[in-house]
């Protein structure tokens, strides 16, 4: 998302991993890799 800081993305990713299933963690990890490489 344009304008969203990396730290905020990380916080959202952690919250998703804590509150949802392993599948969501896998999707988040893939999304982070695609956006941060």
N, C-alpha and C. Protein backbone atom coordinates (compact mmCIF):
# COMPACT_ATOMS: atom_id res chain seq x y z
N UNK A 1 0.85 -1.20 0.00
CA UNK A 1 0.00 0.00 0.00
C UNK A 1 0.88 1.24 0.00
N UNK A 2 0.75 2.13 -0.96
CA UNK A 2 1.58 3.33 -1.00
C UNK A 2 1.41 4.18 0.25
N UNK A 3 2.51 4.68 0.79
CA UNK A 3 2.47 5.55 1.95
C UNK A 3 2.49 4.80 3.27
N UNK A 4 2.36 3.48 3.24
CA UNK A 4 2.40 2.70 4.47
C UNK A 4 3.85 2.40 4.82
N UNK A 5 4.24 2.70 6.05
CA UNK A 5 5.62 2.49 6.45
C UNK A 5 5.92 1.00 6.61
N UNK A 6 7.20 0.65 6.48
CA UNK A 6 7.60 -0.74 6.62
C UNK A 6 7.28 -1.25 8.03
N UNK A 7 7.51 -0.42 9.04
CA UNK A 7 7.25 -0.86 10.41
C UNK A 7 5.77 -1.17 10.61
N UNK A 8 4.90 -0.37 10.00
CA UNK A 8 3.47 -0.62 10.12
C UNK A 8 3.11 -1.92 9.41
N UNK A 9 3.72 -2.18 8.27
CA UNK A 9 3.48 -3.45 7.57
C UNK A 9 3.89 -4.63 8.43
N UNK A 10 5.03 -4.49 9.12
CA UNK A 10 5.51 -5.57 9.97
C UNK A 10 4.55 -5.82 11.12
N UNK A 11 4.06 -4.73 11.73
CA UNK A 11 3.11 -4.88 12.84
C UNK A 11 1.86 -5.60 12.37
N UNK A 12 1.32 -5.19 11.21
CA UNK A 12 0.12 -5.84 10.67
C UNK A 12 0.39 -7.31 10.41
N UNK A 13 1.58 -7.62 9.86
CA UNK A 13 1.92 -9.00 9.56
C UNK A 13 1.96 -9.84 10.83
N UNK A 14 2.56 -9.28 11.90
CA UNK A 14 2.65 -10.01 13.17
C UNK A 14 1.25 -10.24 13.73
N UNK A 15 0.41 -9.21 13.69
CA UNK A 15 -0.95 -9.36 14.21
C UNK A 15 -1.72 -10.42 13.44
N UNK A 16 -1.55 -10.45 12.12
CA UNK A 16 -2.23 -11.45 11.31
C UNK A 16 -1.75 -12.85 11.70
N UNK A 17 -0.45 -12.98 11.92
CA UNK A 17 0.10 -14.30 12.26
C UNK A 17 -0.39 -14.76 13.64
N UNK A 18 -0.53 -13.81 14.57
CA UNK A 18 -0.97 -14.18 15.91
C UNK A 18 -2.45 -14.51 15.97
N UNK A 19 -3.25 -13.87 15.11
CA UNK A 19 -4.70 -13.98 15.25
C UNK A 19 -5.32 -14.94 14.24
N UNK A 20 -4.52 -15.43 13.29
CA UNK A 20 -5.10 -16.24 12.22
C UNK A 20 -4.34 -17.55 12.06
N UNK A 21 -4.62 -18.26 10.99
CA UNK A 21 -4.07 -19.60 10.79
C UNK A 21 -2.67 -19.54 10.18
N UNK A 22 -2.01 -20.70 10.13
CA UNK A 22 -0.69 -20.79 9.53
C UNK A 22 -0.74 -20.41 8.05
N UNK A 23 -1.87 -20.68 7.40
CA UNK A 23 -2.00 -20.33 5.99
C UNK A 23 -1.84 -18.83 5.81
N UNK A 24 -2.45 -18.05 6.70
CA UNK A 24 -2.32 -16.60 6.61
C UNK A 24 -0.86 -16.20 6.80
N UNK A 25 -0.16 -16.83 7.74
CA UNK A 25 1.25 -16.52 7.95
C UNK A 25 2.04 -16.79 6.67
N UNK A 26 1.73 -17.88 6.00
CA UNK A 26 2.43 -18.21 4.76
C UNK A 26 2.16 -17.15 3.70
N UNK A 27 0.90 -16.71 3.59
CA UNK A 27 0.53 -15.69 2.62
C UNK A 27 1.24 -14.39 2.95
N UNK A 28 1.26 -14.02 4.24
CA UNK A 28 1.90 -12.78 4.66
C UNK A 28 3.39 -12.83 4.36
N UNK A 29 4.02 -13.97 4.65
CA UNK A 29 5.45 -14.11 4.40
C UNK A 29 5.74 -13.96 2.91
N UNK A 30 4.90 -14.57 2.07
CA UNK A 30 5.08 -14.47 0.62
C UNK A 30 4.90 -13.03 0.17
N UNK A 31 3.87 -12.34 0.70
CA UNK A 31 3.59 -10.95 0.34
C UNK A 31 4.76 -10.05 0.74
N UNK A 32 5.30 -10.28 1.95
CA UNK A 32 6.43 -9.47 2.40
C UNK A 32 7.64 -9.70 1.48
N UNK A 33 7.90 -10.97 1.12
CA UNK A 33 9.04 -11.24 0.25
C UNK A 33 8.87 -10.57 -1.10
N UNK A 34 7.66 -10.59 -1.64
CA UNK A 34 7.41 -9.98 -2.94
C UNK A 34 7.60 -8.47 -2.88
N UNK A 35 7.26 -7.84 -1.75
CA UNK A 35 7.28 -6.38 -1.67
C UNK A 35 8.60 -5.82 -1.16
N UNK A 36 9.40 -6.62 -0.44
CA UNK A 36 10.60 -6.08 0.19
C UNK A 36 11.88 -6.46 -0.53
N UNK A 37 11.83 -7.35 -1.51
CA UNK A 37 13.05 -7.73 -2.22
C UNK A 37 13.47 -6.64 -3.20
